[in-house]
Amino acid sequence: MILIDGKKAAAELREELKKEVSDLKAKHNKVPGLTVILIGDLTPSQIYVRNKEKSANEVGLKSDVIKYPDTVEEKVVLEKIVELNNDDTVSGILVQLPLPKHIDKQKVIETIDPSKDVDGFHPMNVGNLSSGYESSVPCTPLGCYLLIKKIEPNLSGKKAVVVGRSNLNGKPMTQLLLKENCTVTITHSRTKDLKAECLEADIIVAAVGIPELVKGDWVKKDTIVIDVGINKNDKGSVSDVAFDEVSKNAKALSSVPGGVGPMTIACLLKNTIDCFKRSQI
């Protein structure tokens, strides 16, 4: 079995992006800029933002973090987003989720200029992705897609099962696989006989948030399995795939941690650079 090394793939992608930023600087005399808005002091969010900033600096992006207390008024955040929309030095805007309850997540997402929406959450980008037009793609499914392509460059005709239907992972993952001419089945926690669906698959992407849902006897030989989920239970952190069991059957399997996570941040940098390039046309 091939253990899919997300850290290695992310490091390779960052090297490519570093060269691209250097070339863009030589051509345009400026570099792409990423601005992250962080509201409150949730530890996971702070760690994510710190990692994003470190990675952005590593590839040569201009990186800024704007911090607000969790008592900040929604109006203040929306006004700041509008200001960033109009700032030519900012190529990408990311508002770190989750947000405090009094701030409307959808309103925040829809205020970001779609051409600067590096998370790919704006309804216009969601629509563009499903219509096959150019758009920012949510970073986690994009990372999964790039990992799958490293194992199997030609996905045409493959049967893929996506476990999970979230706007963040399952739905955009389905669109990316359809674009590659896969036959895609989107499943979820209410699917009848999920095991039978998975046994048909050449590719399984598990992003449903149920600990060790995908078992060894759900996976036929030579299947590529991408494990997105990370869940807390009495064992500590547990992923959506029963790793030890599935590793006996799968052709390739991503680990948690160290699989999709590092690629998510690398893809955020890729999206920022792509937004910059589109703005220069």
C-alpha atoms as a PDB file:
ATOM      1  CA  MET A   1       0.000   0.000   0.000  1.00  0.00           C
ATOM      2  CA  ILE A   2       1.115   3.561  -0.756  1.00  0.00           C
ATOM      3  CA  LEU A   3       0.878   5.887   2.228  1.00  0.00           C
ATOM      4  CA  ILE A   4      -0.030   9.259   0.730  1.00  0.00           C
ATOM      5  CA  ASP A   5       2.349  11.795   2.247  1.00  0.00           C
ATOM      6  CA  GLY A   6       0.534  15.130   2.325  1.00  0.00           C
ATOM      7  CA  LYS A   7       3.461  16.903   3.991  1.00  0.00           C
ATOM      8  CA  LYS A   8       5.807  15.937   1.144  1.00  0.00           C
ATOM      9  CA  ALA A   9       3.237  16.838  -1.554  1.00  0.00           C
ATOM     10  CA  ALA A  10       2.572  20.195   0.147  1.00  0.00           C
ATOM     11  CA  ALA A  11       6.315  20.957   0.365  1.00  0.00           C
ATOM     12  CA  GLU A  12       6.687  20.188  -3.368  1.00  0.00           C
ATOM     13  CA  LEU A  13       3.710  22.431  -4.203  1.00  0.00           C
ATOM     14  CA  ARG A  14       5.119  25.270  -2.053  1.00  0.00           C
ATOM     15  CA  GLU A  15       8.432  25.021  -3.946  1.00  0.00           C
ATOM     16  CA  GLU A  16       6.568  25.370  -7.264  1.00  0.00           C
ATOM     17  CA  LEU A  17       4.584  28.325  -5.892  1.00  0.00           C
ATOM     18  CA  LYS A  18       7.744  30.016  -4.587  1.00  0.00           C
ATOM     19  CA  LYS A  19       9.215  29.947  -8.095  1.00  0.00           C
ATOM     20  CA  GLU A  20       5.927  31.220  -9.541  1.00  0.00           C
ATOM     21  CA  VAL A  21       5.838  34.162  -7.084  1.00  0.00           C
ATOM     22  CA  SER A  22       9.424  35.017  -8.002  1.00  0.00           C
ATOM     23  CA  ASP A  23       8.509  34.998 -11.723  1.00  0.00           C
ATOM     24  CA  LEU A  24       5.396  37.131 -11.089  1.00  0.00           C
ATOM     25  CA  LYS A  25       7.449  39.652  -9.124  1.00  0.00           C
ATOM     26  CA  ALA A  26       9.916  39.926 -12.009  1.00  0.00           C
ATOM     27  CA  LYS A  27       7.086  40.392 -14.503  1.00  0.00           C
ATOM     28  CA  HIS A  28       4.713  42.719 -12.578  1.00  0.00           C
ATOM     29  CA  ASN A  29       7.062  44.265  -9.991  1.00  0.00           C
ATOM     30  CA  LYS A  30       4.692  43.216  -7.191  1.00  0.00           C
ATOM     31  CA  VAL A  31       3.686  40.023  -5.386  1.00  0.00           C
ATOM     32  CA  PRO A  32       0.308  38.488  -4.532  1.00  0.00           C
ATOM     33  CA  GLY A  33      -1.066  39.537  -1.139  1.00  0.00           C
ATOM     34  CA  LEU A  34      -3.153  37.448   1.267  1.00  0.00           C
ATOM     35  CA  THR A  35      -5.098  39.094   4.104  1.00  0.00           C
ATOM     36  CA  VAL A  36      -6.664  36.936   6.815  1.00  0.00           C
ATOM     37  CA  ILE A  37      -9.281  38.248   9.240  1.00  0.00           C
ATOM     38  CA  LEU A  38      -9.259  36.458  12.606  1.00  0.00           C
ATOM     39  CA  ILE A  39     -12.087  37.107  15.060  1.00  0.00           C
ATOM     40  CA  GLY A  40     -11.799  35.944  18.677  1.00  0.00           C
ATOM     41  CA  ASP A  41      -9.183  33.766  20.326  1.00  0.00           C
ATOM     42  CA  LEU A  42     -10.160  30.145  19.584  1.00  0.00           C
ATOM     43  CA  THR A  43      -6.923  28.146  19.802  1.00  0.00           C
ATOM     44  CA  PRO A  44      -7.467  25.999  16.641  1.00  0.00           C
ATOM     45  CA  SER A  45      -8.202  29.130  14.598  1.00  0.00           C
ATOM     46  CA  GLN A  46      -5.090  30.860  15.939  1.00  0.00           C
ATOM     47  CA  ILE A  47      -2.929  27.823  15.051  1.00  0.00           C
ATOM     48  CA  TYR A  48      -4.420  27.659  11.522  1.00  0.00           C
ATOM     49  CA  VAL A  49      -3.847  31.355  10.927  1.00  0.00           C
ATOM     50  CA  ARG A  50      -0.275  31.181  12.234  1.00  0.00           C
ATOM     51  CA  ASN A  51       0.463  28.248   9.883  1.00  0.00           C
ATOM     52  CA  LYS A  52      -1.110  30.099   6.952  1.00  0.00           C
ATOM     53  CA  GLU A  53       0.974  33.191   7.637  1.00  0.00           C
ATOM     54  CA  LYS A  54       4.193  31.159   7.955  1.00  0.00           C
ATOM     55  CA  SER A  55       3.521  29.298   4.690  1.00  0.00           C
ATOM     56  CA  ALA A  56       2.583  32.512   2.858  1.00  0.00           C
ATOM     57  CA  ASN A  57       5.847  34.150   3.909  1.00  0.00           C
ATOM     58  CA  GLU A  58       7.777  31.027   2.916  1.00  0.00           C
ATOM     59  CA  VAL A  59       6.642  31.262  -0.725  1.00  0.00           C
ATOM     60  CA  GLY A  60       7.121  35.039  -0.872  1.00  0.00           C
ATOM     61  CA  LEU A  61       3.545  36.284  -0.611  1.00  0.00           C
ATOM     62  CA  LYS A  62       2.678  39.547   1.111  1.00  0.00           C
ATOM     63  CA  SER A  63       0.799  38.352   4.186  1.00  0.00           C
ATOM     64  CA  ASP A  64      -1.343  40.307   6.682  1.00  0.00           C
ATOM     65  CA  VAL A  65      -3.504  39.203   9.599  1.00  0.00           C
ATOM     66  CA  ILE A  66      -6.205  41.511  10.955  1.00  0.00           C
ATOM     67  CA  LYS A  67      -7.365  40.525  14.438  1.00  0.00           C
ATOM     68  CA  TYR A  68     -10.616  41.488  16.176  1.00  0.00           C
ATOM     69  CA  PRO A  69     -11.985  40.504  19.590  1.00  0.00           C
ATOM     70  CA  ASP A  70     -15.011  38.186  19.495  1.00  0.00           C
ATOM     71  CA  THR A  71     -17.170  41.136  20.625  1.00  0.00           C
ATOM     72  CA  VAL A  72     -16.519  43.045  17.374  1.00  0.00           C
ATOM     73  CA  GLU A  73     -19.654  44.306  15.611  1.00  0.00           C
ATOM     74  CA  GLU A  74     -20.600  42.641  12.331  1.00  0.00           C
ATOM     75  CA  LYS A  75     -20.704  46.066  10.638  1.00  0.00           C
ATOM     76  CA  VAL A  76     -16.999  46.670  11.457  1.00  0.00           C
ATOM     77  CA  VAL A  77     -15.985  43.366   9.849  1.00  0.00           C
ATOM     78  CA  LEU A  78     -18.098  43.966   6.726  1.00  0.00           C
ATOM     79  CA  GLU A  79     -16.661  47.482   6.307  1.00  0.00           C
ATOM     80  CA  LYS A  80     -13.122  46.098   6.579  1.00  0.00           C
ATOM     81  CA  ILE A  81     -13.894  43.479   3.887  1.00  0.00           C
ATOM     82  CA  VAL A  82     -15.188  46.211   1.540  1.00  0.00           C
ATOM     83  CA  GLU A  83     -11.979  48.186   2.186  1.00  0.00           C
ATOM     84  CA  LEU A  84      -9.869  45.099   1.329  1.00  0.00           C
ATOM     85  CA  ASN A  85     -11.985  44.480  -1.806  1.00  0.00           C
ATOM     86  CA  ASN A  86     -10.872  47.924  -3.024  1.00  0.00           C
ATOM     87  CA  ASP A  87      -7.198  47.492  -2.063  1.00  0.00           C
ATOM     88  CA  ASP A  88      -5.080  46.588  -5.111  1.00  0.00           C
ATOM     89  CA  THR A  89      -2.290  45.143  -2.939  1.00  0.00           C
ATOM     90  CA  VAL A  90      -4.687  42.453  -1.630  1.00  0.00           C
ATOM     91  CA  SER A  91      -5.167  39.507  -4.020  1.00  0.00           C
ATOM     92  CA  GLY A  92      -6.942  37.195  -1.593  1.00  0.00           C
ATOM     93  CA  ILE A  93      -9.187  37.666   1.449  1.00  0.00           C
ATOM     94  CA  LEU A  94      -9.917  34.919   3.957  1.00  0.00           C
ATOM     95  CA  VAL A  95     -12.155  35.251   7.019  1.00  0.00           C
ATOM     96  CA  GLN A  96     -11.239  32.463   9.434  1.00  0.00           C
ATOM     97  CA  LEU A  97     -14.230  30.320  10.421  1.00  0.00           C
ATOM     98  CA  PRO A  98     -16.010  29.637  12.752  1.00  0.00           C
ATOM     99  CA  LEU A  99     -17.342  33.110  13.554  1.00  0.00           C
ATOM    100  CA  PRO A 100     -18.993  34.319  16.781  1.00  0.00           C
ATOM    101  CA  LYS A 101     -22.769  33.695  16.839  1.00  0.00           C
ATOM    102  CA  HIS A 102     -23.735  37.356  16.352  1.00  0.00           C
ATOM    103  CA  ILE A 103     -21.911  37.561  13.001  1.00  0.00           C
ATOM    104  CA  ASP A 104     -23.751  36.203   9.960  1.00  0.00           C
ATOM    105  CA  LYS A 105     -21.350  33.838   8.169  1.00  0.00           C
ATOM    106  CA  GLN A 106     -23.214  33.983   4.856  1.00  0.00           C
ATOM    107  CA  LYS A 107     -23.266  37.780   4.873  1.00  0.00           C
ATOM    108  CA  VAL A 108     -19.497  37.814   5.490  1.00  0.00           C
ATOM    109  CA  ILE A 109     -18.822  35.328   2.672  1.00  0.00           C
ATOM    110  CA  GLU A 110     -21.039  37.245   0.225  1.00  0.00           C
ATOM    111  CA  THR A 111     -19.351  40.573   1.039  1.00  0.00           C
ATOM    112  CA  ILE A 112     -15.959  39.275  -0.138  1.00  0.00           C
ATOM    113  CA  ASP A 113     -15.282  40.152  -3.781  1.00  0.00           C
ATOM    114  CA  PRO A 114     -15.609  36.773  -5.637  1.00  0.00           C
ATOM    115  CA  SER A 115     -12.327  37.527  -7.464  1.00  0.00           C
ATOM    116  CA  LYS A 116     -10.560  37.702  -4.055  1.00  0.00           C
ATOM    117  CA  ASP A 117     -12.403  34.796  -2.416  1.00  0.00           C
ATOM    118  CA  VAL A 118      -9.509  32.384  -1.822  1.00  0.00           C
ATOM    119  CA  ASP A 119     -11.720  29.972   0.152  1.00  0.00           C
ATOM    120  CA  GLY A 120     -14.004  29.481  -2.862  1.00  0.00           C
ATOM    121  CA  PHE A 121     -17.115  29.861  -0.662  1.00  0.00           C
ATOM    122  CA  HIS A 122     -18.789  32.809  -2.440  1.00  0.00           C
ATOM    123  CA  PRO A 123     -21.992  31.674  -4.229  1.00  0.00           C
ATOM    124  CA  MET A 124     -20.563  32.979  -7.518  1.00  0.00           C
ATOM    125  CA  ASN A 125     -17.490  30.744  -7.179  1.00  0.00           C
ATOM    126  CA  VAL A 126     -19.648  27.787  -6.117  1.00  0.00           C
ATOM    127  CA  GLY A 127     -21.766  28.329  -9.243  1.00  0.00           C
ATOM    128  CA  ASN A 128     -18.723  28.751 -11.496  1.00  0.00           C
ATOM    129  CA  LEU A 129     -17.199  25.501 -10.204  1.00  0.00           C
ATOM    130  CA  SER A 130     -20.390  23.528 -10.823  1.00  0.00           C
ATOM    131  CA  SER A 131     -20.742  25.098 -14.291  1.00  0.00           C
ATOM    132  CA  GLY A 132     -17.165  24.213 -15.220  1.00  0.00           C
ATOM    133  CA  TYR A 133     -15.993  27.847 -15.349  1.00  0.00           C
ATOM    134  CA  GLU A 134     -12.786  29.225 -13.879  1.00  0.00           C
ATOM    135  CA  SER A 135     -13.109  29.874 -10.141  1.00  0.00           C
ATOM    136  CA  SER A 136     -11.444  29.601  -6.766  1.00  0.00           C
ATOM    137  CA  VAL A 137     -11.932  26.045  -5.474  1.00  0.00           C
ATOM    138  CA  PRO A 138     -12.281  25.335  -1.715  1.00  0.00           C
ATOM    139  CA  CYS A 139      -8.812  24.455  -0.439  1.00  0.00           C
ATOM    140  CA  THR A 140      -9.457  21.067   1.207  1.00  0.00           C
ATOM    141  CA  PRO A 141     -11.153  19.371  -1.782  1.00  0.00           C
ATOM    142  CA  LEU A 142      -8.543  20.923  -4.090  1.00  0.00           C
ATOM    143  CA  GLY A 143      -5.824  19.390  -1.880  1.00  0.00           C
ATOM    144  CA  CYS A 144      -7.581  15.987  -1.995  1.00  0.00           C
ATOM    145  CA  TYR A 145      -7.870  16.216  -5.776  1.00  0.00           C
ATOM    146  CA  LEU A 146      -4.148  16.980  -6.210  1.00  0.00           C
ATOM    147  CA  LEU A 147      -3.216  14.045  -3.931  1.00  0.00           C
ATOM    148  CA  ILE A 148      -5.446  11.674  -5.958  1.00  0.00           C
ATOM    149  CA  LYS A 149      -3.861  12.907  -9.214  1.00  0.00           C
ATOM    150  CA  LYS A 150      -0.390  12.147  -7.838  1.00  0.00           C
ATOM    151  CA  ILE A 151      -1.396   8.488  -7.422  1.00  0.00           C
ATOM    152  CA  GLU A 152      -3.532   8.196 -10.556  1.00  0.00           C
ATOM    153  CA  PRO A 153      -2.990  10.893 -13.221  1.00  0.00           C
ATOM    154  CA  ASN A 154      -5.760   9.552 -15.489  1.00  0.00           C
ATOM    155  CA  LEU A 155      -9.067   9.446 -13.606  1.00  0.00           C
ATOM    156  CA  SER A 156     -11.317   9.183 -16.670  1.00  0.00           C
ATOM    157  CA  GLY A 157     -13.966   6.475 -16.210  1.00  0.00           C
ATOM    158  CA  LYS A 158     -13.068   5.765 -12.573  1.00  0.00           C
ATOM    159  CA  LYS A 159     -15.898   5.257 -10.099  1.00  0.00           C
ATOM    160  CA  ALA A 160     -15.583   7.669  -7.181  1.00  0.00           C
ATOM    161  CA  VAL A 161     -17.588   7.691  -3.970  1.00  0.00           C
ATOM    162  CA  VAL A 162     -17.627  10.881  -1.903  1.00  0.00           C
ATOM    163  CA  VAL A 163     -18.803  10.262   1.668  1.00  0.00           C
ATOM    164  CA  GLY A 164     -20.171  13.588   2.935  1.00  0.00           C
ATOM    165  CA  ARG A 165     -22.224  16.301   1.240  1.00  0.00           C
ATOM    166  CA  SER A 166     -21.002  19.488   2.901  1.00  0.00           C
ATOM    167  CA  ASN A 167     -20.546  22.738   0.979  1.00  0.00           C
ATOM    168  CA  LEU A 168     -16.981  22.798   2.295  1.00  0.00           C
ATOM    169  CA  ASN A 169     -15.841  19.358   1.102  1.00  0.00           C
ATOM    170  CA  GLY A 170     -18.309  16.882  -0.362  1.00  0.00           C
ATOM    171  CA  LYS A 171     -20.037  19.023  -2.997  1.00  0.00           C
ATOM    172  CA  PRO A 172     -16.912  20.734  -4.435  1.00  0.00           C
ATOM    173  CA  MET A 173     -15.040  17.398  -4.348  1.00  0.00           C
ATOM    174  CA  THR A 174     -17.809  15.915  -6.485  1.00  0.00           C
ATOM    175  CA  GLN A 175     -17.458  18.736  -9.034  1.00  0.00           C
ATOM    176  CA  LEU A 176     -13.666  18.287  -9.281  1.00  0.00           C
ATOM    177  CA  LEU A 177     -14.005  14.539  -9.883  1.00  0.00           C
ATOM    178  CA  LEU A 178     -16.792  15.052 -12.454  1.00  0.00           C
ATOM    179  CA  LYS A 179     -14.495  17.435 -14.323  1.00  0.00           C
ATOM    180  CA  GLU A 180     -12.021  14.539 -14.606  1.00  0.00           C
ATOM    181  CA  ASN A 181     -14.735  12.327 -16.159  1.00  0.00           C
ATOM    182  CA  CYS A 182     -15.182  10.174 -13.064  1.00  0.00           C
ATOM    183  CA  THR A 183     -18.552   8.572 -12.373  1.00  0.00           C
ATOM    184  CA  VAL A 184     -19.307  10.113  -8.987  1.00  0.00           C
ATOM    185  CA  THR A 185     -21.695   8.945  -6.286  1.00  0.00           C
ATOM    186  CA  ILE A 186     -22.223  11.399  -3.434  1.00  0.00           C
ATOM    187  CA  THR A 187     -23.193   9.622  -0.201  1.00  0.00           C
ATOM    188  CA  HIS A 188     -23.764  10.668   3.398  1.00  0.00           C
ATOM    189  CA  SER A 189     -24.784   9.451   6.850  1.00  0.00           C
ATOM    190  CA  ARG A 190     -28.372   8.708   5.659  1.00  0.00           C
ATOM    191  CA  THR A 191     -27.333   6.656   2.604  1.00  0.00           C
ATOM    192  CA  LYS A 192     -28.791   3.145   2.634  1.00  0.00           C
ATOM    193  CA  ASP A 193     -26.068   0.476   2.493  1.00  0.00           C
ATOM    194  CA  LEU A 194     -23.090   2.812   2.410  1.00  0.00           C
ATOM    195  CA  LYS A 195     -20.783  -0.211   2.511  1.00  0.00           C
ATOM    196  CA  ALA A 196     -22.149  -1.500  -0.829  1.00  0.00           C
ATOM    197  CA  GLU A 197     -21.594   1.933  -2.409  1.00  0.00           C
ATOM    198  CA  CYS A 198     -17.993   2.076  -1.170  1.00  0.00           C
ATOM    199  CA  LEU A 199     -17.238  -1.457  -2.396  1.00  0.00           C
ATOM    200  CA  GLU A 200     -17.998  -0.281  -5.952  1.00  0.00           C
ATOM    201  CA  ALA A 201     -15.477   2.567  -5.753  1.00  0.00           C
ATOM    202  CA  ASP A 202     -12.028   3.012  -7.302  1.00  0.00           C
ATOM    203  CA  ILE A 203     -11.685   6.225  -5.272  1.00  0.00           C
ATOM    204  CA  ILE A 204     -13.208   6.997  -1.861  1.00  0.00           C
ATOM    205  CA  VAL A 205     -13.078  10.458  -0.296  1.00  0.00           C
ATOM    206  CA  ALA A 206     -14.334  10.339   3.305  1.00  0.00           C
ATOM    207  CA  ALA A 207     -15.368  13.734   4.695  1.00  0.00           C
ATOM    208  CA  VAL A 208     -18.384  13.016   6.851  1.00  0.00           C
ATOM    209  CA  GLY A 209     -17.207  13.591  10.435  1.00  0.00           C
ATOM    210  CA  ILE A 210     -18.051  10.129  11.812  1.00  0.00           C
ATOM    211  CA  PRO A 211     -15.154   8.355  13.580  1.00  0.00           C
ATOM    212  CA  GLU A 212     -13.813   5.296  11.691  1.00  0.00           C
ATOM    213  CA  LEU A 213     -16.943   5.032   9.549  1.00  0.00           C
ATOM    214  CA  VAL A 214     -15.146   3.515   6.537  1.00  0.00           C
ATOM    215  CA  LYS A 215     -14.076  -0.020   7.537  1.00  0.00           C
ATOM    216  CA  GLY A 216     -11.602  -2.437   5.953  1.00  0.00           C
ATOM    217  CA  ASP A 217     -14.333  -4.613   4.425  1.00  0.00           C
ATOM    218  CA  TRP A 218     -15.878  -1.521   2.757  1.00  0.00           C
ATOM    219  CA  VAL A 219     -12.857  -1.124   0.484  1.00  0.00           C
ATOM    220  CA  LYS A 220     -12.026  -3.340  -2.478  1.00  0.00           C
ATOM    221  CA  LYS A 221      -8.448  -3.996  -3.540  1.00  0.00           C
ATOM    222  CA  ASP A 222      -6.611  -1.214  -5.387  1.00  0.00           C
ATOM    223  CA  THR A 223      -8.871   1.605  -4.160  1.00  0.00           C
ATOM    224  CA  ILE A 224      -7.457   5.078  -3.491  1.00  0.00           C
ATOM    225  CA  VAL A 225      -8.785   6.311  -0.128  1.00  0.00           C
ATOM    226  CA  ILE A 226      -8.553   9.949   0.970  1.00  0.00           C
ATOM    227  CA  ASP A 227      -9.413  10.573   4.617  1.00  0.00           C
ATOM    228  CA  VAL A 228     -10.488  14.155   5.344  1.00  0.00           C
ATOM    229  CA  GLY A 229     -12.243  13.769   8.677  1.00  0.00           C
ATOM    230  CA  ILE A 230     -10.811  14.458  12.098  1.00  0.00           C
ATOM    231  CA  ASN A 231     -13.042  13.720  15.069  1.00  0.00           C
ATOM    232  CA  LYS A 232     -12.604  13.806  18.827  1.00  0.00           C
ATOM    233  CA  ASN A 233     -13.765  10.864  20.933  1.00  0.00           C
ATOM    234  CA  ASP A 234     -12.568   8.905  23.976  1.00  0.00           C
ATOM    235  CA  LYS A 235      -9.627   7.575  21.921  1.00  0.00           C
ATOM    236  CA  GLY A 236      -8.490  11.163  21.229  1.00  0.00           C
ATOM    237  CA  SER A 237      -8.343  12.326  17.599  1.00  0.00           C
ATOM    238  CA  VAL A 238      -9.866   9.782  15.227  1.00  0.00           C
ATOM    239  CA  SER A 239     -10.390  10.092  11.474  1.00  0.00           C
ATOM    240  CA  ASP A 240     -13.299   9.005   9.238  1.00  0.00           C
ATOM    241  CA  VAL A 241     -11.401   5.913   8.024  1.00  0.00           C
ATOM    242  CA  ALA A 242     -10.398   2.906  10.149  1.00  0.00           C
ATOM    243  CA  PHE A 243      -6.766   3.276   9.100  1.00  0.00           C
ATOM    244  CA  ASP A 244      -5.304  -0.097  10.172  1.00  0.00           C
ATOM    245  CA  GLU A 245      -8.125  -2.111   8.584  1.00  0.00           C
ATOM    246  CA  VAL A 246      -8.359  -0.111   5.355  1.00  0.00           C
ATOM    247  CA  SER A 247      -4.579  -0.068   4.828  1.00  0.00           C
ATOM    248  CA  LYS A 248      -4.729  -3.869   4.272  1.00  0.00           C
ATOM    249  CA  ASN A 249      -6.934  -3.453   1.162  1.00  0.00           C
ATOM    250  CA  ALA A 250      -6.364   0.013  -0.268  1.00  0.00           C
ATOM    251  CA  LYS A 251      -3.929   0.768  -3.073  1.00  0.00           C
ATOM    252  CA  ALA A 252      -3.188   4.162  -1.486  1.00  0.00           C
ATOM    253  CA  LEU A 253      -4.387   5.838   1.720  1.00  0.00           C
ATOM    254  CA  SER A 254      -3.838   9.295   3.195  1.00  0.00           C
ATOM    255  CA  SER A 255      -2.916   9.536   6.863  1.00  0.00           C
ATOM    256  CA  VAL A 256      -4.494  11.780   9.507  1.00  0.00           C
ATOM    257  CA  PRO A 257      -2.706  13.945  10.501  1.00  0.00           C
ATOM    258  CA  GLY A 258      -0.179  14.694   7.749  1.00  0.00           C
ATOM    259  CA  GLY A 259      -2.401  13.834   4.787  1.00  0.00           C
ATOM    260  CA  VAL A 260      -4.896  16.406   3.569  1.00  0.00           C
ATOM    261  CA  GLY A 261      -4.189  19.102   6.215  1.00  0.00           C
ATOM    262  CA  PRO A 262      -0.826  20.343   4.861  1.00  0.00           C
ATOM    263  CA  MET A 263      -2.264  20.382   1.316  1.00  0.00           C
ATOM    264  CA  THR A 264      -5.178  22.576   2.432  1.00  0.00           C
ATOM    265  CA  ILE A 265      -2.802  25.389   3.409  1.00  0.00           C
ATOM    266  CA  ALA A 266      -0.641  24.940   0.293  1.00  0.00           C
ATOM    267  CA  CYS A 267      -3.802  25.185  -1.852  1.00  0.00           C
ATOM    268  CA  LEU A 268      -4.774  28.416  -0.103  1.00  0.00           C
ATOM    269  CA  LEU A 269      -1.462  29.892  -1.317  1.00  0.00           C
ATOM    270  CA  LYS A 270      -2.145  28.489  -4.817  1.00  0.00           C
ATOM    271  CA  ASN A 271      -5.599  30.129  -4.840  1.00  0.00           C
ATOM    272  CA  THR A 272      -4.095  33.473  -3.744  1.00  0.00           C
ATOM    273  CA  ILE A 273      -1.573  33.350  -6.609  1.00  0.00           C
ATOM    274  CA  ASP A 274      -4.294  32.347  -9.099  1.00  0.00           C
ATOM    275  CA  CYS A 275      -6.479  35.296  -7.943  1.00  0.00           C
ATOM    276  CA  PHE A 276      -3.505  37.615  -8.479  1.00  0.00           C
ATOM    277  CA  LYS A 277      -2.858  36.231 -11.979  1.00  0.00           C
ATOM    278  CA  ARG A 278      -6.511  36.653 -12.990  1.00  0.00           C
ATOM    279  CA  SER A 279      -6.433  40.264 -11.747  1.00  0.00           C
ATOM    280  CA  GLN A 280      -3.465  41.058 -14.020  1.00  0.00           C
ATOM    281  CA  ILE A 281      -5.195  40.009 -17.245  1.00  0.00           C
END
